[in-house]
Amino acid sequence: MNILSPSLLSVDFNHAADDIKIITDAGAKWLHLDVMDGSFVPNISYGAPVIKAFRETTDAFFDIHLMIDEPIRYIDDFITAGGEMITIHYEACSDVKTTLEIIRSKGAQCGIAIKPGTSVSEIENLITEVDMVLVMSVEPGFGGQKFMPEALDKLKQVKRLANEKNHSLLIQVDGGINKDNARKAVASGANVLVAGSAVFSGDKAENVKMLNELINS
């Protein structure tokens, strides 16, 4: 079954607990938490204390995307806050393998993310070391951007590597996912789809149900 992971970057923080309940009751099993530091990406979002507060409102699977320089410094904080999948950026680490090993040693699953300008070949040697690869289909740092169709080719490349080296690999796509491109992403190899605006704009429950149906039909 393919997974919808709604991005809380798009949630109304005034009603976050209520909105989380709405979307999880509607069938969202994962929640995607974007952590931005204003250095690796030109924006700041939230950190471990906010994630911990979210954790107290739900038992959904926490899919934490660290868009921060040298995330190795904060792994403990985000796992303690409730992170179950910790995804780091290939471009943000001076020692990627050690960072991934630390995530695993703390009992969480680990993922590696690549920006639009980074080739899949850069992470080929990590395919067997991770639980998930995240292909960014927008430049990281801001919500509400338009999907970059060239990400579909990258998803296909990652899928080929998964077939060769890691059959259980989760392949995530993040950025501009909506009802018009979700099926194309799945057809290209994605099995975890992050959606922000497409979930939180309008009827949240109906959006979750519609997207789940689209990616699993």
N, C-alpha and C. Protein backbone atom coordinates (compact mmCIF):
# COMPACT_ATOMS: atom_id res chain seq x y z
N MET A 1 0.84 -1.21 0.00
CA MET A 1 0.00 0.00 0.00
C MET A 1 0.87 1.25 0.00
N ASN A 2 0.57 2.19 -0.88
CA ASN A 2 1.30 3.45 -0.93
C ASN A 2 0.84 4.37 0.19
N ILE A 3 1.75 5.22 0.63
CA ILE A 3 1.53 6.00 1.85
C ILE A 3 1.43 7.49 1.52
N LEU A 4 0.42 8.15 2.08
CA LEU A 4 0.30 9.60 2.04
C LEU A 4 0.86 10.15 3.35
N SER A 5 1.78 11.10 3.23
CA SER A 5 2.40 11.70 4.42
C SER A 5 2.16 13.22 4.38
N PRO A 6 1.04 13.68 4.94
CA PRO A 6 0.72 15.11 4.90
C PRO A 6 1.78 15.95 5.61
N SER A 7 2.18 17.04 4.97
CA SER A 7 3.21 17.91 5.53
C SER A 7 2.60 18.95 6.46
N LEU A 8 3.04 18.92 7.71
CA LEU A 8 2.53 19.88 8.70
C LEU A 8 3.11 21.28 8.50
N LEU A 9 3.95 21.44 7.49
CA LEU A 9 4.40 22.79 7.15
C LEU A 9 3.21 23.64 6.70
N SER A 10 2.16 22.99 6.21
CA SER A 10 0.99 23.70 5.70
C SER A 10 -0.15 23.78 6.70
N VAL A 11 0.04 23.22 7.90
CA VAL A 11 -1.04 23.23 8.88
C VAL A 11 -1.22 24.62 9.48
N ASP A 12 -2.44 24.95 9.89
CA ASP A 12 -2.71 26.19 10.62
C ASP A 12 -2.32 25.94 12.08
N PHE A 13 -1.26 26.56 12.53
CA PHE A 13 -0.75 26.30 13.87
C PHE A 13 -1.73 26.72 14.96
N ASN A 14 -2.67 27.58 14.64
CA ASN A 14 -3.70 27.94 15.62
C ASN A 14 -4.65 26.77 15.89
N HIS A 15 -4.71 25.83 14.94
CA HIS A 15 -5.64 24.71 15.08
C HIS A 15 -4.94 23.39 14.78
N ALA A 16 -3.64 23.32 15.06
CA ALA A 16 -2.85 22.16 14.64
C ALA A 16 -3.39 20.85 15.20
N ALA A 17 -3.68 20.81 16.50
CA ALA A 17 -4.15 19.56 17.10
C ALA A 17 -5.46 19.10 16.46
N ASP A 18 -6.38 20.04 16.22
CA ASP A 18 -7.65 19.69 15.60
C ASP A 18 -7.44 19.18 14.17
N ASP A 19 -6.57 19.88 13.42
CA ASP A 19 -6.35 19.49 12.03
C ASP A 19 -5.64 18.14 11.93
N ILE A 20 -4.72 17.88 12.85
CA ILE A 20 -4.05 16.57 12.87
C ILE A 20 -5.07 15.47 13.10
N LYS A 21 -6.01 15.70 14.00
CA LYS A 21 -7.04 14.70 14.27
C LYS A 21 -7.92 14.49 13.04
N ILE A 22 -8.26 15.57 12.36
CA ILE A 22 -9.10 15.47 11.16
C ILE A 22 -8.44 14.60 10.10
N ILE A 23 -7.17 14.87 9.83
CA ILE A 23 -6.52 14.14 8.73
C ILE A 23 -6.17 12.71 9.11
N THR A 24 -5.84 12.47 10.38
CA THR A 24 -5.54 11.08 10.77
C THR A 24 -6.83 10.27 10.84
N ASP A 25 -7.91 10.87 11.31
CA ASP A 25 -9.20 10.17 11.30
C ASP A 25 -9.63 9.83 9.88
N ALA A 26 -9.21 10.68 8.92
CA ALA A 26 -9.58 10.46 7.52
C ALA A 26 -8.70 9.43 6.82
N GLY A 27 -7.64 8.99 7.49
CA GLY A 27 -6.83 7.93 6.90
C GLY A 27 -5.36 8.22 6.72
N ALA A 28 -4.88 9.37 7.19
CA ALA A 28 -3.44 9.67 7.12
C ALA A 28 -2.73 8.93 8.25
N LYS A 29 -1.88 7.98 7.88
CA LYS A 29 -1.16 7.18 8.87
C LYS A 29 0.20 7.79 9.23
N TRP A 30 0.74 8.58 8.31
CA TRP A 30 2.03 9.25 8.52
C TRP A 30 1.80 10.76 8.59
N LEU A 31 2.71 11.45 9.27
CA LEU A 31 2.78 12.92 9.24
C LEU A 31 4.21 13.31 8.92
N HIS A 32 4.35 14.24 7.99
CA HIS A 32 5.66 14.70 7.52
C HIS A 32 5.99 16.02 8.22
N LEU A 33 7.14 16.04 8.88
CA LEU A 33 7.53 17.22 9.67
C LEU A 33 8.81 17.81 9.10
N ASP A 34 8.68 19.00 8.51
CA ASP A 34 9.80 19.67 7.86
C ASP A 34 10.52 20.59 8.84
N VAL A 35 11.78 20.27 9.10
CA VAL A 35 12.59 21.08 10.01
C VAL A 35 13.61 21.87 9.19
N MET A 36 13.52 23.19 9.25
CA MET A 36 14.38 24.06 8.44
C MET A 36 15.14 25.02 9.36
N ASP A 37 16.42 25.21 9.06
CA ASP A 37 17.28 25.95 9.99
C ASP A 37 17.67 27.36 9.56
N GLY A 38 17.24 27.79 8.37
CA GLY A 38 17.63 29.12 7.91
C GLY A 38 19.05 29.20 7.41
N SER A 39 19.74 28.05 7.35
CA SER A 39 21.12 27.99 6.88
C SER A 39 21.21 27.06 5.67
N PHE A 40 20.89 25.80 5.86
CA PHE A 40 20.87 24.87 4.72
C PHE A 40 19.80 25.28 3.72
N VAL A 41 18.67 25.76 4.23
CA VAL A 41 17.62 26.32 3.38
C VAL A 41 17.29 27.72 3.90
N PRO A 42 16.79 28.59 3.02
CA PRO A 42 16.58 30.00 3.41
C PRO A 42 15.27 30.26 4.13
N ASN A 43 14.95 29.42 5.08
CA ASN A 43 13.73 29.61 5.84
C ASN A 43 13.89 28.89 7.17
N ILE A 44 13.07 29.23 8.15
CA ILE A 44 13.08 28.59 9.46
C ILE A 44 11.66 28.09 9.73
N SER A 45 11.54 26.85 10.21
CA SER A 45 10.20 26.33 10.49
C SER A 45 10.03 26.11 11.99
N TYR A 46 10.31 24.92 12.47
CA TYR A 46 10.14 24.59 13.89
C TYR A 46 11.17 23.53 14.26
N GLY A 47 11.30 23.28 15.55
CA GLY A 47 12.28 22.32 16.01
C GLY A 47 11.68 21.23 16.86
N ALA A 48 12.53 20.56 17.62
CA ALA A 48 12.13 19.40 18.41
C ALA A 48 11.01 19.71 19.43
N PRO A 49 11.01 20.85 20.11
CA PRO A 49 9.93 21.10 21.08
C PRO A 49 8.54 21.12 20.45
N VAL A 50 8.43 21.68 19.26
CA VAL A 50 7.12 21.70 18.57
C VAL A 50 6.73 20.29 18.15
N ILE A 51 7.69 19.51 17.66
CA ILE A 51 7.40 18.13 17.28
C ILE A 51 6.96 17.32 18.49
N LYS A 52 7.60 17.55 19.61
CA LYS A 52 7.20 16.87 20.85
C LYS A 52 5.75 17.21 21.20
N ALA A 53 5.36 18.47 21.02
CA ALA A 53 3.98 18.88 21.28
C ALA A 53 3.02 18.18 20.33
N PHE A 54 3.40 18.08 19.05
CA PHE A 54 2.57 17.34 18.09
C PHE A 54 2.44 15.88 18.52
N ARG A 55 3.56 15.31 18.99
CA ARG A 55 3.57 13.90 19.37
C ARG A 55 2.53 13.59 20.45
N GLU A 56 2.27 14.57 21.30
CA GLU A 56 1.30 14.37 22.39
C GLU A 56 -0.14 14.36 21.90
N THR A 57 -0.36 14.74 20.63
CA THR A 57 -1.72 14.81 20.10
C THR A 57 -2.10 13.62 19.23
N THR A 58 -1.13 12.76 18.86
CA THR A 58 -1.41 11.72 17.88
C THR A 58 -0.43 10.56 18.01
N ASP A 59 -0.86 9.39 17.55
CA ASP A 59 0.05 8.25 17.48
C ASP A 59 0.43 7.94 16.03
N ALA A 60 0.22 8.89 15.11
CA ALA A 60 0.62 8.72 13.72
C ALA A 60 2.14 8.54 13.63
N PHE A 61 2.57 7.92 12.55
CA PHE A 61 4.00 7.72 12.31
C PHE A 61 4.65 9.06 11.97
N PHE A 62 5.70 9.42 12.69
CA PHE A 62 6.36 10.72 12.49
C PHE A 62 7.55 10.59 11.54
N ASP A 63 7.40 11.23 10.41
CA ASP A 63 8.33 11.22 9.28
C ASP A 63 9.03 12.59 9.28
N ILE A 64 10.21 12.65 9.91
CA ILE A 64 10.88 13.94 10.11
C ILE A 64 11.93 14.18 9.02
N HIS A 65 11.80 15.29 8.34
CA HIS A 65 12.68 15.68 7.24
C HIS A 65 13.57 16.83 7.72
N LEU A 66 14.83 16.51 7.96
CA LEU A 66 15.76 17.52 8.50
C LEU A 66 16.47 18.26 7.37
N MET A 67 16.03 19.49 7.14
CA MET A 67 16.68 20.37 6.17
C MET A 67 17.59 21.32 6.95
N ILE A 68 18.60 20.70 7.58
CA ILE A 68 19.50 21.45 8.45
C ILE A 68 20.94 21.02 8.22
N ASP A 69 21.86 21.95 8.41
CA ASP A 69 23.28 21.64 8.30
C ASP A 69 23.73 20.74 9.44
N GLU A 70 24.54 19.76 9.11
CA GLU A 70 25.11 18.82 10.08
C GLU A 70 24.07 18.31 11.08
N PRO A 71 23.06 17.60 10.59
CA PRO A 71 21.99 17.11 11.48
C PRO A 71 22.48 16.15 12.56
N ILE A 72 23.68 15.63 12.39
CA ILE A 72 24.23 14.71 13.38
C ILE A 72 24.18 15.30 14.79
N ARG A 73 24.18 16.62 14.88
CA ARG A 73 24.18 17.30 16.18
C ARG A 73 22.87 17.17 16.93
N TYR A 74 21.79 16.87 16.20
CA TYR A 74 20.46 16.94 16.81
C TYR A 74 19.65 15.65 16.71
N ILE A 75 20.28 14.57 16.33
CA ILE A 75 19.55 13.31 16.15
C ILE A 75 18.82 12.91 17.42
N ASP A 76 19.51 12.95 18.55
CA ASP A 76 18.89 12.57 19.83
C ASP A 76 17.63 13.39 20.10
N ASP A 77 17.71 14.69 19.85
CA ASP A 77 16.59 15.59 20.13
C ASP A 77 15.35 15.19 19.35
N PHE A 78 15.53 14.89 18.06
CA PHE A 78 14.37 14.61 17.21
C PHE A 78 13.80 13.22 17.44
N ILE A 79 14.64 12.28 17.81
CA ILE A 79 14.12 10.96 18.15
C ILE A 79 13.39 11.01 19.49
N THR A 80 13.96 11.71 20.45
CA THR A 80 13.30 11.87 21.75
C THR A 80 11.96 12.57 21.61
N ALA A 81 11.88 13.50 20.65
CA ALA A 81 10.64 14.25 20.42
C ALA A 81 9.55 13.39 19.77
N GLY A 82 9.93 12.22 19.25
CA GLY A 82 8.93 11.33 18.67
C GLY A 82 9.19 10.89 17.25
N GLY A 83 10.35 11.25 16.70
CA GLY A 83 10.65 10.88 15.32
C GLY A 83 10.85 9.39 15.14
N GLU A 84 10.20 8.82 14.13
CA GLU A 84 10.33 7.39 13.84
C GLU A 84 11.08 7.14 12.54
N MET A 85 10.97 8.06 11.59
CA MET A 85 11.80 8.08 10.38
C MET A 85 12.52 9.43 10.38
N ILE A 86 13.83 9.38 10.37
CA ILE A 86 14.62 10.62 10.34
C ILE A 86 15.34 10.67 9.00
N THR A 87 15.00 11.65 8.19
CA THR A 87 15.60 11.81 6.86
C THR A 87 16.53 13.01 6.87
N ILE A 88 17.77 12.77 6.45
CA ILE A 88 18.78 13.83 6.38
C ILE A 88 19.09 14.11 4.91
N HIS A 89 19.66 15.26 4.65
CA HIS A 89 20.05 15.61 3.28
C HIS A 89 21.48 15.21 3.01
N TYR A 90 21.66 14.54 1.88
CA TYR A 90 23.00 14.17 1.42
C TYR A 90 23.91 15.40 1.38
N GLU A 91 23.34 16.51 0.94
CA GLU A 91 24.15 17.73 0.72
C GLU A 91 24.50 18.44 2.03
N ALA A 92 23.87 18.05 3.15
CA ALA A 92 24.02 18.80 4.40
C ALA A 92 24.98 18.17 5.40
N CYS A 93 25.55 17.02 5.02
CA CYS A 93 26.36 16.25 5.98
C CYS A 93 27.81 16.12 5.53
N SER A 94 28.72 16.33 6.44
CA SER A 94 30.13 16.07 6.13
C SER A 94 30.44 14.59 6.25
N ASP A 95 29.64 13.85 7.03
CA ASP A 95 29.82 12.41 7.18
C ASP A 95 28.44 11.75 7.15
N VAL A 96 27.98 11.46 5.95
CA VAL A 96 26.62 10.94 5.77
C VAL A 96 26.45 9.58 6.43
N LYS A 97 27.40 8.67 6.19
CA LYS A 97 27.25 7.30 6.70
C LYS A 97 27.20 7.26 8.22
N THR A 98 28.05 8.03 8.86
CA THR A 98 28.04 8.05 10.33
C THR A 98 26.73 8.61 10.85
N THR A 99 26.22 9.64 10.20
CA THR A 99 24.94 10.22 10.62
C THR A 99 23.83 9.19 10.51
N LEU A 100 23.79 8.45 9.41
CA LEU A 100 22.78 7.41 9.23
C LEU A 100 22.93 6.30 10.27
N GLU A 101 24.17 5.93 10.55
CA GLU A 101 24.43 4.88 11.54
C GLU A 101 23.94 5.30 12.93
N ILE A 102 24.12 6.56 13.26
CA ILE A 102 23.67 7.05 14.56
C ILE A 102 22.14 7.01 14.65
N ILE A 103 21.47 7.40 13.57
CA ILE A 103 20.00 7.33 13.57
C ILE A 103 19.54 5.91 13.83
N ARG A 104 20.12 4.95 13.14
CA ARG A 104 19.75 3.55 13.33
C ARG A 104 20.06 3.07 14.75
N SER A 105 21.20 3.49 15.27
CA SER A 105 21.62 3.03 16.60
C SER A 105 20.68 3.53 17.69
N LYS A 106 19.95 4.60 17.40
CA LYS A 106 19.00 5.15 18.36
C LYS A 106 17.61 4.54 18.22
N GLY A 107 17.46 3.62 17.28
CA GLY A 107 16.20 2.90 17.16
C GLY A 107 15.22 3.46 16.15
N ALA A 108 15.62 4.47 15.37
CA ALA A 108 14.74 5.04 14.36
C ALA A 108 15.11 4.52 12.97
N GLN A 109 14.19 4.65 12.03
CA GLN A 109 14.50 4.38 10.64
C GLN A 109 15.20 5.61 10.06
N CYS A 110 15.97 5.39 9.00
CA CYS A 110 16.73 6.51 8.43
C CYS A 110 16.46 6.66 6.94
N GLY A 111 16.49 7.91 6.50
CA GLY A 111 16.29 8.22 5.10
C GLY A 111 17.33 9.20 4.61
N ILE A 112 17.56 9.21 3.30
CA ILE A 112 18.48 10.17 2.68
C ILE A 112 17.72 10.95 1.62
N ALA A 113 17.85 12.27 1.66
CA ALA A 113 17.15 13.15 0.73
C ALA A 113 18.13 13.80 -0.24
N ILE A 114 17.65 14.04 -1.46
CA ILE A 114 18.46 14.78 -2.43
C ILE A 114 17.66 15.93 -3.02
N LYS A 115 18.34 17.05 -3.19
CA LYS A 115 17.75 18.24 -3.79
C LYS A 115 17.62 18.05 -5.30
N PRO A 116 16.85 18.91 -5.97
CA PRO A 116 16.68 18.78 -7.42
C PRO A 116 17.98 18.78 -8.21
N GLY A 117 18.98 19.48 -7.72
CA GLY A 117 20.24 19.56 -8.46
C GLY A 117 21.22 18.43 -8.19
N THR A 118 20.86 17.50 -7.32
CA THR A 118 21.75 16.40 -6.95
C THR A 118 21.38 15.14 -7.72
N SER A 119 22.37 14.51 -8.33
CA SER A 119 22.14 13.31 -9.11
C SER A 119 21.89 12.10 -8.21
N VAL A 120 21.05 11.19 -8.67
CA VAL A 120 20.80 9.94 -7.94
C VAL A 120 22.09 9.14 -7.79
N SER A 121 23.00 9.27 -8.75
CA SER A 121 24.27 8.53 -8.68
C SER A 121 25.07 8.88 -7.43
N GLU A 122 24.85 10.06 -6.88
CA GLU A 122 25.57 10.49 -5.68
C GLU A 122 25.24 9.63 -4.47
N ILE A 123 24.04 9.04 -4.46
CA ILE A 123 23.61 8.27 -3.28
C ILE A 123 23.50 6.78 -3.58
N GLU A 124 23.98 6.36 -4.75
CA GLU A 124 23.84 4.95 -5.14
C GLU A 124 24.46 4.02 -4.10
N ASN A 125 25.59 4.41 -3.53
CA ASN A 125 26.27 3.54 -2.56
C ASN A 125 25.58 3.54 -1.20
N LEU A 126 24.52 4.34 -1.03
CA LEU A 126 23.80 4.39 0.24
C LEU A 126 22.47 3.64 0.20
N ILE A 127 22.11 3.12 -0.95
CA ILE A 127 20.79 2.49 -1.12
C ILE A 127 20.57 1.35 -0.13
N THR A 128 21.61 0.61 0.17
CA THR A 128 21.48 -0.51 1.11
C THR A 128 21.60 -0.05 2.56
N GLU A 129 21.93 1.22 2.78
CA GLU A 129 22.16 1.73 4.13
C GLU A 129 20.94 2.45 4.70
N VAL A 130 19.92 2.66 3.89
CA VAL A 130 18.78 3.48 4.32
C VAL A 130 17.46 2.74 4.17
N ASP A 131 16.47 3.22 4.89
CA ASP A 131 15.11 2.69 4.78
C ASP A 131 14.31 3.45 3.73
N MET A 132 14.73 4.69 3.42
CA MET A 132 13.96 5.52 2.49
C MET A 132 14.87 6.49 1.76
N VAL A 133 14.55 6.72 0.51
CA VAL A 133 15.16 7.79 -0.28
C VAL A 133 14.08 8.82 -0.56
N LEU A 134 14.40 10.08 -0.30
CA LEU A 134 13.48 11.19 -0.57
C LEU A 134 13.97 11.99 -1.76
N VAL A 135 13.19 12.01 -2.81
CA VAL A 135 13.47 12.81 -3.99
C VAL A 135 12.69 14.11 -3.87
N MET A 136 13.41 15.22 -3.77
CA MET A 136 12.75 16.52 -3.71
C MET A 136 12.31 16.94 -5.10
N SER A 137 11.03 17.28 -5.22
CA SER A 137 10.48 17.72 -6.51
C SER A 137 10.24 19.23 -6.53
N VAL A 138 10.82 19.91 -5.54
CA VAL A 138 10.92 21.38 -5.50
C VAL A 138 12.24 21.69 -4.79
N GLU A 139 12.68 22.92 -4.88
CA GLU A 139 13.83 23.33 -4.07
C GLU A 139 13.38 23.39 -2.61
N PRO A 140 14.08 22.72 -1.72
CA PRO A 140 13.64 22.68 -0.32
C PRO A 140 13.71 24.05 0.34
N GLY A 141 12.76 24.26 1.26
CA GLY A 141 12.79 25.50 2.04
C GLY A 141 11.48 26.24 2.12
N PHE A 142 10.56 25.96 1.19
CA PHE A 142 9.28 26.67 1.18
C PHE A 142 8.17 25.72 0.75
N GLY A 143 7.00 25.88 1.33
CA GLY A 143 5.84 25.11 0.90
C GLY A 143 5.15 25.80 -0.26
N GLY A 144 4.23 25.07 -0.90
CA GLY A 144 3.40 25.66 -1.94
C GLY A 144 4.05 25.85 -3.28
N GLN A 145 5.20 25.20 -3.54
CA GLN A 145 5.88 25.35 -4.82
C GLN A 145 5.31 24.39 -5.86
N LYS A 146 5.62 24.67 -7.13
CA LYS A 146 5.14 23.84 -8.23
C LYS A 146 6.05 22.63 -8.44
N PHE A 147 5.43 21.49 -8.65
CA PHE A 147 6.12 20.23 -8.88
C PHE A 147 7.04 20.32 -10.09
N MET A 148 8.29 19.84 -9.95
CA MET A 148 9.25 19.78 -11.04
C MET A 148 9.15 18.41 -11.71
N PRO A 149 8.67 18.33 -12.95
CA PRO A 149 8.45 17.02 -13.58
C PRO A 149 9.71 16.19 -13.77
N GLU A 150 10.88 16.83 -13.78
CA GLU A 150 12.12 16.07 -13.93
C GLU A 150 12.35 15.14 -12.74
N ALA A 151 11.63 15.37 -11.65
CA ALA A 151 11.74 14.48 -10.50
C ALA A 151 11.26 13.07 -10.85
N LEU A 152 10.38 12.95 -11.83
CA LEU A 152 9.86 11.63 -12.21
C LEU A 152 10.98 10.73 -12.71
N ASP A 153 11.92 11.29 -13.46
CA ASP A 153 13.06 10.49 -13.94
C ASP A 153 13.92 10.02 -12.77
N LYS A 154 14.09 10.88 -11.78
CA LYS A 154 14.86 10.49 -10.61
C LYS A 154 14.18 9.37 -9.83
N LEU A 155 12.87 9.46 -9.71
CA LEU A 155 12.13 8.40 -9.03
C LEU A 155 12.34 7.06 -9.75
N LYS A 156 12.32 7.09 -11.07
CA LYS A 156 12.54 5.86 -11.84
C LYS A 156 13.94 5.31 -11.61
N GLN A 157 14.93 6.21 -11.51
CA GLN A 157 16.30 5.77 -11.25
C GLN A 157 16.42 5.13 -9.87
N VAL A 158 15.79 5.75 -8.88
CA VAL A 158 15.83 5.20 -7.53
C VAL A 158 15.12 3.85 -7.49
N LYS A 159 14.01 3.74 -8.20
CA LYS A 159 13.27 2.48 -8.24
C LYS A 159 14.12 1.37 -8.85
N ARG A 160 14.87 1.68 -9.89
CA ARG A 160 15.74 0.68 -10.50
C ARG A 160 16.80 0.21 -9.50
N LEU A 161 17.37 1.15 -8.76
CA LEU A 161 18.37 0.80 -7.75
C LEU A 161 17.75 -0.05 -6.64
N ALA A 162 16.52 0.30 -6.25
CA ALA A 162 15.83 -0.47 -5.21
C ALA A 162 15.60 -1.90 -5.69
N ASN A 163 15.22 -2.07 -6.93
CA ASN A 163 14.99 -3.40 -7.47
C ASN A 163 16.27 -4.23 -7.48
N GLU A 164 17.40 -3.55 -7.66
CA GLU A 164 18.69 -4.24 -7.72
C GLU A 164 19.27 -4.51 -6.33
N LYS A 165 19.05 -3.56 -5.39
CA LYS A 165 19.83 -3.61 -4.16
C LYS A 165 19.04 -3.61 -2.85
N ASN A 166 17.79 -3.13 -2.88
CA ASN A 166 17.05 -2.98 -1.61
C ASN A 166 15.55 -3.01 -1.90
N HIS A 167 15.00 -4.21 -1.94
CA HIS A 167 13.60 -4.38 -2.35
C HIS A 167 12.61 -3.75 -1.38
N SER A 168 13.01 -3.56 -0.14
CA SER A 168 12.09 -2.98 0.84
C SER A 168 12.19 -1.46 0.93
N LEU A 169 13.00 -0.85 0.07
CA LEU A 169 13.23 0.59 0.13
C LEU A 169 11.94 1.38 -0.07
N LEU A 170 11.72 2.34 0.81
CA LEU A 170 10.65 3.32 0.62
C LEU A 170 11.20 4.44 -0.26
N ILE A 171 10.38 4.88 -1.21
CA ILE A 171 10.78 5.96 -2.12
C ILE A 171 9.79 7.09 -1.97
N GLN A 172 10.26 8.18 -1.41
CA GLN A 172 9.39 9.31 -1.10
C GLN A 172 9.61 10.45 -2.08
N VAL A 173 8.54 11.16 -2.39
CA VAL A 173 8.63 12.36 -3.20
C VAL A 173 7.95 13.50 -2.45
N ASP A 174 8.58 14.66 -2.49
CA ASP A 174 8.11 15.80 -1.69
C ASP A 174 8.24 17.08 -2.49
N GLY A 175 7.10 17.76 -2.68
CA GLY A 175 7.12 19.06 -3.33
C GLY A 175 6.11 19.18 -4.44
N GLY A 176 5.04 19.92 -4.19
CA GLY A 176 4.06 20.18 -5.23
C GLY A 176 3.19 19.00 -5.60
N ILE A 177 3.11 17.99 -4.74
CA ILE A 177 2.27 16.83 -5.03
C ILE A 177 0.80 17.19 -4.87
N ASN A 178 0.00 16.81 -5.87
CA ASN A 178 -1.44 17.08 -5.83
C ASN A 178 -2.18 16.03 -6.65
N LYS A 179 -3.47 16.22 -6.82
CA LYS A 179 -4.29 15.23 -7.52
C LYS A 179 -3.91 15.08 -8.99
N ASP A 180 -3.24 16.08 -9.55
CA ASP A 180 -2.89 16.04 -10.97
C ASP A 180 -1.61 15.26 -11.25
N ASN A 181 -0.73 15.13 -10.26
CA ASN A 181 0.55 14.46 -10.52
C ASN A 181 0.82 13.26 -9.61
N ALA A 182 -0.03 13.01 -8.63
CA ALA A 182 0.23 11.95 -7.66
C ALA A 182 0.37 10.58 -8.33
N ARG A 183 -0.51 10.28 -9.26
CA ARG A 183 -0.45 8.98 -9.93
C ARG A 183 0.81 8.85 -10.78
N LYS A 184 1.23 9.94 -11.40
CA LYS A 184 2.47 9.90 -12.19
C LYS A 184 3.66 9.59 -11.29
N ALA A 185 3.65 10.16 -10.09
CA ALA A 185 4.75 9.91 -9.14
C ALA A 185 4.76 8.44 -8.74
N VAL A 186 3.60 7.88 -8.47
CA VAL A 186 3.51 6.46 -8.11
C VAL A 186 3.97 5.58 -9.28
N ALA A 187 3.53 5.92 -10.48
CA ALA A 187 3.91 5.14 -11.66
C ALA A 187 5.42 5.18 -11.90
N SER A 188 6.06 6.25 -11.42
CA SER A 188 7.51 6.39 -11.59
C SER A 188 8.30 5.72 -10.48
N GLY A 189 7.61 5.24 -9.44
CA GLY A 189 8.31 4.51 -8.39
C GLY A 189 8.06 4.97 -6.98
N ALA A 190 7.44 6.12 -6.80
CA ALA A 190 7.20 6.61 -5.43
C ALA A 190 6.17 5.75 -4.71
N ASN A 191 6.45 5.46 -3.44
CA ASN A 191 5.46 4.75 -2.61
C ASN A 191 5.14 5.50 -1.32
N VAL A 192 5.79 6.65 -1.13
CA VAL A 192 5.44 7.56 -0.03
C VAL A 192 5.35 8.96 -0.63
N LEU A 193 4.18 9.59 -0.54
CA LEU A 193 3.98 10.89 -1.16
C LEU A 193 3.67 11.93 -0.10
N VAL A 194 4.47 12.99 -0.10
CA VAL A 194 4.26 14.11 0.81
C VAL A 194 3.37 15.13 0.12
N ALA A 195 2.35 15.60 0.83
CA ALA A 195 1.47 16.64 0.28
C ALA A 195 1.13 17.63 1.38
N GLY A 196 1.29 18.91 1.08
CA GLY A 196 0.98 19.95 2.05
C GLY A 196 -0.26 20.72 1.67
N SER A 197 -0.12 21.62 0.73
CA SER A 197 -1.24 22.45 0.29
C SER A 197 -2.41 21.60 -0.22
N ALA A 198 -2.10 20.49 -0.88
CA ALA A 198 -3.15 19.64 -1.44
C ALA A 198 -3.97 18.96 -0.36
N VAL A 199 -3.44 18.89 0.85
CA VAL A 199 -4.19 18.32 1.97
C VAL A 199 -4.90 19.40 2.76
N PHE A 200 -4.19 20.48 3.06
CA PHE A 200 -4.69 21.45 4.03
C PHE A 200 -5.49 22.60 3.43
N SER A 201 -5.60 22.66 2.10
CA SER A 201 -6.44 23.67 1.46
C SER A 201 -7.82 23.09 1.19
N GLY A 202 -8.84 23.68 1.79
CA GLY A 202 -10.20 23.18 1.58
C GLY A 202 -10.58 22.13 2.59
N ASP A 203 -11.33 21.13 2.15
CA ASP A 203 -11.83 20.07 3.02
C ASP A 203 -10.71 19.06 3.27
N LYS A 204 -10.09 19.14 4.44
CA LYS A 204 -8.90 18.33 4.73
C LYS A 204 -9.20 16.84 4.70
N ALA A 205 -10.30 16.45 5.31
CA ALA A 205 -10.65 15.02 5.36
C ALA A 205 -10.89 14.48 3.95
N GLU A 206 -11.65 15.22 3.15
CA GLU A 206 -11.93 14.76 1.79
C GLU A 206 -10.66 14.73 0.95
N ASN A 207 -9.76 15.69 1.18
CA ASN A 207 -8.49 15.71 0.45
C ASN A 207 -7.66 14.47 0.75
N VAL A 208 -7.60 14.10 2.04
CA VAL A 208 -6.86 12.90 2.43
C VAL A 208 -7.46 11.66 1.78
N LYS A 209 -8.78 11.53 1.85
CA LYS A 209 -9.44 10.37 1.27
C LYS A 209 -9.21 10.30 -0.24
N MET A 210 -9.33 11.45 -0.90
CA MET A 210 -9.15 11.49 -2.36
C MET A 210 -7.72 11.12 -2.76
N LEU A 211 -6.73 11.69 -2.07
CA LEU A 211 -5.34 11.41 -2.41
C LEU A 211 -4.98 9.96 -2.10
N ASN A 212 -5.44 9.45 -0.98
CA ASN A 212 -5.19 8.04 -0.67
C ASN A 212 -5.78 7.12 -1.73
N GLU A 213 -6.96 7.47 -2.19
CA GLU A 213 -7.60 6.66 -3.23
C GLU A 213 -6.82 6.74 -4.54
N LEU A 214 -6.37 7.95 -4.88
CA LEU A 214 -5.62 8.15 -6.12
C LEU A 214 -4.33 7.33 -6.14
N ILE A 215 -3.60 7.35 -5.03
CA ILE A 215 -2.28 6.71 -5.03
C ILE A 215 -2.35 5.21 -4.78
N ASN A 216 -3.55 4.70 -4.49
CA ASN A 216 -3.70 3.27 -4.24
C ASN A 216 -4.69 2.60 -5.18
N SER A 217 -5.01 3.28 -6.27
CA SER A 217 -5.95 2.69 -7.23
C SER A 217 -5.24 2.33 -8.53
